[in-house]
Amino acid sequence: MSDRSSHFLFDGPADARTTILLAHGAGAPMDSDWMNAVAAALARENLRVARFEFAYMAGRRTGAGRKPPPRAETVMAEYREAVAALDAGTPLIIGGKSMGGRVASMVADELAAAGLAHGLLCLGYPFHPPGKPEKLRTAHLATMTTPALICQGARDPFGNETEAGNFALSPAIELKWLADGDHDLKPRKASGLTLDRHIAEMAKSARALADRIVERS
C-alpha cells in the first residue's frame, strides 16, 4: 500500500532499517507501472522506498506543459534537496531509474561524505547514449567510494554486457547483469525469463546491499 506525504511517494514498512530514495527516468514519472513494480518488489524485501520527481516531471501534472528532460548536471541540486527534505532517519540508499540513477551517482560521494547517504542503487544506468558507445558517462564512477549496485539489462542499448570491459568502475561498485534484459531490465519472451523475475532478483540484490550497509553503520 502506498501513501503520499509532501512530494514523496512511499512504499514498504515504516520501521525498515534502510530507506531507498528513487528518482525516475527521463521520460516516465515516479508512479509509472515500472516504478510501481520496482517499489513493490523492494518493499517485499522489507525496505522502505521513497520516490520523488524532478521539477520538470512534476510540472507535467500541473498543466505547465511537457518540458523536455534537462541535462543531468542541472538537477543535481534537486536530488540534494530531496535527500534533505526526506530526512530518512535510517541509513539511506539513493538512486533511481536511468537518468535518476545517474544524477544520484553524481552526488553520491558528496552526500556520503556528509553522512547523508550510505549507498547507491542504479537501475539501467545510461553508460552512454544509444548507438554512441564512445561517449561514456563513467568518469566519476571510476573513483566512487560509496557502496553501489548497478542492475543492468544484458542487452541494454545504453550499455550492454559485451561492452562491460570499456566501463572503468570503482571496486565499490557491483555491476549485476540481468540476462537478456533491455533498458527496463525486460527480457524477450523467447528467453524464457520474465520482467517480474528480474525485478525480484534486483530487489534481493538491493536488500543484500542494504544489509551490508546496516552492518557497517
Protein backbone atom coordinates (compact mmCIF):
# COMPACT_ATOMS: atom_id res chain seq x y z
CA MET A 1 0.00 0.00 0.00
CA SER A 2 1.37 3.41 -0.97
CA ASP A 3 0.80 6.82 0.59
CA ARG A 4 1.81 10.35 -0.35
CA SER A 5 3.49 12.74 2.06
CA SER A 6 4.63 16.09 0.74
CA HIS A 7 6.15 15.37 -2.68
CA PHE A 8 7.23 11.81 -1.88
CA LEU A 9 5.52 8.52 -2.69
CA PHE A 10 6.23 5.87 -0.03
CA ASP A 11 6.18 2.06 -0.05
CA GLY A 12 7.38 -0.55 2.42
CA PRO A 13 7.43 -0.80 6.22
CA ALA A 14 7.79 2.46 8.11
CA ASP A 15 10.12 0.77 10.60
CA ALA A 16 12.51 -0.65 7.98
CA ARG A 17 16.18 -0.50 8.88
CA THR A 18 17.06 1.06 5.50
CA THR A 19 15.41 3.63 3.23
CA ILE A 20 15.87 3.79 -0.55
CA LEU A 21 15.25 7.10 -2.32
CA LEU A 22 14.49 6.66 -6.02
CA ALA A 23 14.21 9.17 -8.84
CA HIS A 24 12.50 8.36 -12.14
CA GLY A 25 13.99 8.08 -15.61
CA ALA A 26 13.96 10.84 -18.21
CA GLY A 27 10.61 10.06 -19.80
CA ALA A 28 8.29 8.47 -17.24
CA PRO A 29 7.01 9.67 -13.84
CA MET A 30 7.68 8.27 -10.39
CA ASP A 31 4.38 6.35 -10.44
CA SER A 32 4.76 4.63 -13.81
CA ASP A 33 3.87 0.94 -13.91
CA TRP A 34 7.59 0.12 -13.97
CA MET A 35 8.43 2.27 -10.96
CA ASN A 36 5.41 0.89 -9.09
CA ALA A 37 6.62 -2.67 -9.72
CA VAL A 38 10.15 -1.84 -8.58
CA ALA A 39 8.96 -0.14 -5.40
CA ALA A 40 6.65 -3.05 -4.59
CA ALA A 41 9.47 -5.56 -5.04
CA LEU A 42 11.80 -3.58 -2.79
CA ALA A 43 9.04 -3.26 -0.20
CA ARG A 44 8.62 -7.05 -0.21
CA GLU A 45 12.28 -7.22 0.83
CA ASN A 46 11.38 -5.12 3.90
CA LEU A 47 12.94 -1.96 2.51
CA ARG A 48 11.36 1.47 2.88
CA VAL A 49 11.10 3.17 -0.51
CA ALA A 50 10.58 6.88 -1.14
CA ARG A 51 10.06 8.17 -4.67
CA PHE A 52 10.21 11.77 -5.90
CA GLU A 53 10.06 13.70 -9.15
CA PHE A 54 12.32 16.34 -10.60
CA ALA A 55 10.57 19.66 -11.19
CA TYR A 56 10.22 19.23 -14.97
CA MET A 57 8.34 15.95 -14.48
CA ALA A 58 6.20 17.22 -11.61
CA GLY A 59 5.29 20.19 -13.79
CA ARG A 60 3.65 17.87 -16.30
CA ARG A 61 1.00 17.08 -13.68
CA THR A 62 0.00 20.73 -13.31
CA GLY A 63 -0.64 21.61 -16.93
CA ALA A 64 2.61 23.56 -17.12
CA GLY A 65 3.45 21.82 -20.36
CA ARG A 66 5.58 18.87 -21.38
CA LYS A 67 9.09 20.15 -20.83
CA PRO A 68 11.93 18.03 -22.24
CA PRO A 69 14.25 16.30 -19.78
CA PRO A 70 17.04 18.63 -18.62
CA ARG A 71 20.72 17.79 -18.58
CA ALA A 72 21.56 15.57 -15.63
CA GLU A 73 24.03 18.10 -14.26
CA THR A 74 21.30 20.72 -13.91
CA VAL A 75 19.15 18.68 -11.50
CA MET A 76 21.85 17.57 -9.06
CA ALA A 77 20.70 20.29 -6.65
CA GLU A 78 17.16 18.90 -6.80
CA TYR A 79 18.45 15.50 -5.72
CA ARG A 80 20.31 17.06 -2.80
CA GLU A 81 17.14 18.91 -1.81
CA ALA A 82 15.12 15.68 -1.92
CA VAL A 83 17.58 13.97 0.43
CA ALA A 84 17.38 16.89 2.86
CA ALA A 85 13.56 17.02 2.69
CA LEU A 86 13.23 13.28 3.22
CA ASP A 87 15.37 13.29 6.38
CA ALA A 88 15.26 9.49 6.34
CA GLY A 89 16.38 8.83 9.91
CA THR A 90 17.84 5.48 8.82
CA PRO A 91 20.77 4.51 6.60
CA LEU A 92 19.85 5.90 3.16
CA ILE A 93 20.50 4.40 -0.27
CA ILE A 94 19.98 6.89 -3.08
CA GLY A 95 19.41 6.00 -6.71
CA GLY A 96 16.89 5.73 -9.47
CA LYS A 97 15.99 4.61 -12.96
CA SER A 98 18.33 5.59 -15.81
CA MET A 99 18.74 9.39 -15.60
CA GLY A 100 17.56 9.38 -11.98
CA GLY A 101 20.24 6.87 -11.07
CA ARG A 102 22.87 8.82 -12.97
CA VAL A 103 22.04 12.02 -11.10
CA ALA A 104 22.16 10.13 -7.80
CA SER A 105 25.56 8.72 -8.73
CA MET A 106 26.87 12.23 -9.38
CA VAL A 107 26.06 13.37 -5.83
CA ALA A 108 26.61 10.06 -4.00
CA ASP A 109 30.15 10.57 -2.73
CA GLU A 110 29.42 14.15 -1.68
CA LEU A 111 26.34 13.09 0.29
CA ALA A 112 28.12 10.07 1.76
CA ALA A 113 30.97 12.27 2.98
CA ALA A 114 28.40 14.44 4.74
CA GLY A 115 26.76 11.40 6.35
CA LEU A 116 23.54 11.97 4.38
CA ALA A 117 23.70 8.89 2.15
CA HIS A 118 25.24 5.47 2.61
CA GLY A 119 24.76 3.63 -0.67
CA LEU A 120 23.73 3.89 -4.33
CA LEU A 121 21.27 1.84 -6.42
CA CYS A 122 21.14 2.44 -10.18
CA LEU A 123 18.57 0.65 -12.34
CA GLY A 124 19.52 0.70 -16.01
CA TYR A 125 22.46 3.10 -15.82
CA PRO A 126 22.91 5.15 -19.03
CA PHE A 127 26.57 4.36 -19.57
CA HIS A 128 26.40 6.09 -22.97
CA PRO A 129 23.75 7.38 -25.40
CA PRO A 130 22.30 4.59 -27.59
CA GLY A 131 24.49 3.99 -30.61
CA LYS A 132 27.33 6.11 -29.21
CA PRO A 133 29.44 3.77 -27.05
CA GLU A 134 32.40 6.15 -27.32
CA LYS A 135 30.55 8.82 -25.30
CA LEU A 136 30.90 7.23 -21.90
CA ARG A 137 29.35 8.72 -18.76
CA THR A 138 31.59 6.86 -16.36
CA ALA A 139 34.41 9.20 -15.31
CA HIS A 140 33.00 9.75 -11.81
CA LEU A 141 32.24 6.05 -11.40
CA ALA A 142 35.93 5.14 -11.64
CA THR A 143 36.72 6.89 -8.35
CA MET A 144 33.47 6.31 -6.45
CA THR A 145 33.85 5.28 -2.81
CA THR A 146 30.15 4.91 -1.93
CA PRO A 147 28.97 1.25 -1.87
CA ALA A 148 26.93 0.89 -5.04
CA LEU A 149 24.85 -1.59 -7.03
CA ILE A 150 24.09 -1.15 -10.72
CA CYS A 151 21.47 -3.54 -12.11
CA GLN A 152 21.70 -3.60 -15.89
CA GLY A 153 19.95 -5.47 -18.68
CA ALA A 154 22.49 -7.56 -20.62
CA ARG A 155 21.34 -6.07 -23.94
CA ASP A 156 20.69 -2.52 -22.73
CA PRO A 157 21.35 -0.08 -25.63
CA PHE A 158 22.68 2.41 -23.07
CA GLY A 159 25.43 -0.06 -22.10
CA ASN A 160 25.33 -3.83 -22.61
CA GLU A 161 27.25 -6.76 -21.21
CA THR A 162 29.58 -7.12 -24.20
CA GLU A 163 30.76 -3.56 -23.59
CA ALA A 164 31.44 -4.09 -19.89
CA GLY A 165 35.20 -4.11 -20.39
CA ASN A 166 35.01 -0.49 -21.54
CA PHE A 167 33.45 0.69 -18.28
CA ALA A 168 36.02 1.88 -15.73
CA LEU A 169 34.24 1.21 -12.44
CA SER A 170 35.43 1.60 -8.88
CA PRO A 171 35.78 -1.55 -6.72
CA ALA A 172 32.98 -0.03 -4.60
CA ILE A 173 30.52 -0.73 -7.45
CA GLU A 174 28.84 -4.08 -8.03
CA LEU A 175 27.55 -4.45 -11.60
CA LYS A 176 24.77 -7.01 -11.80
CA TRP A 177 23.74 -8.19 -15.28
CA LEU A 178 20.20 -9.42 -15.86
CA ALA A 179 20.07 -11.93 -18.70
CA ASP A 180 18.57 -10.69 -21.98
CA GLY A 181 17.23 -7.56 -20.27
CA ASP A 182 16.72 -4.26 -22.09
CA HIS A 183 16.95 -0.75 -20.60
CA ASP A 184 13.92 -1.57 -18.44
CA LEU A 185 15.51 -4.92 -17.46
CA LYS A 186 12.83 -6.65 -19.57
CA PRO A 187 13.89 -9.90 -21.30
CA ARG A 188 12.44 -11.13 -24.59
CA LYS A 189 9.71 -13.74 -24.35
CA ALA A 190 11.82 -16.27 -26.23
CA SER A 191 14.41 -16.16 -23.44
CA GLY A 192 12.03 -17.93 -21.08
CA LEU A 193 12.67 -15.23 -18.50
CA THR A 194 10.29 -12.55 -17.21
CA LEU A 195 10.48 -8.94 -16.10
CA ASP A 196 8.89 -9.84 -12.76
CA ARG A 197 11.67 -12.36 -12.13
CA HIS A 198 14.37 -9.82 -12.98
CA ILE A 199 12.81 -7.16 -10.76
CA ALA A 200 12.59 -9.64 -7.89
CA GLU A 201 16.26 -10.56 -8.43
CA MET A 202 17.18 -6.87 -8.42
CA ALA A 203 15.28 -6.35 -5.17
CA LYS A 204 17.10 -9.23 -3.46
CA SER A 205 20.44 -7.76 -4.52
CA ALA A 206 19.35 -4.36 -3.22
CA ARG A 207 18.43 -5.96 0.08
CA ALA A 208 21.90 -7.53 0.27
CA LEU A 209 23.45 -4.09 -0.31
CA ALA A 210 21.22 -2.63 2.41
CA ASP A 211 22.20 -5.38 4.85
CA ARG A 212 25.90 -4.72 4.22
CA ILE A 213 25.39 -1.01 4.84
CA VAL A 214 23.49 -1.60 8.09
CA GLU A 215 26.23 -3.92 9.32
CA ARG A 216 28.79 -1.18 8.71
CA SER A 217 26.71 1.52 10.42
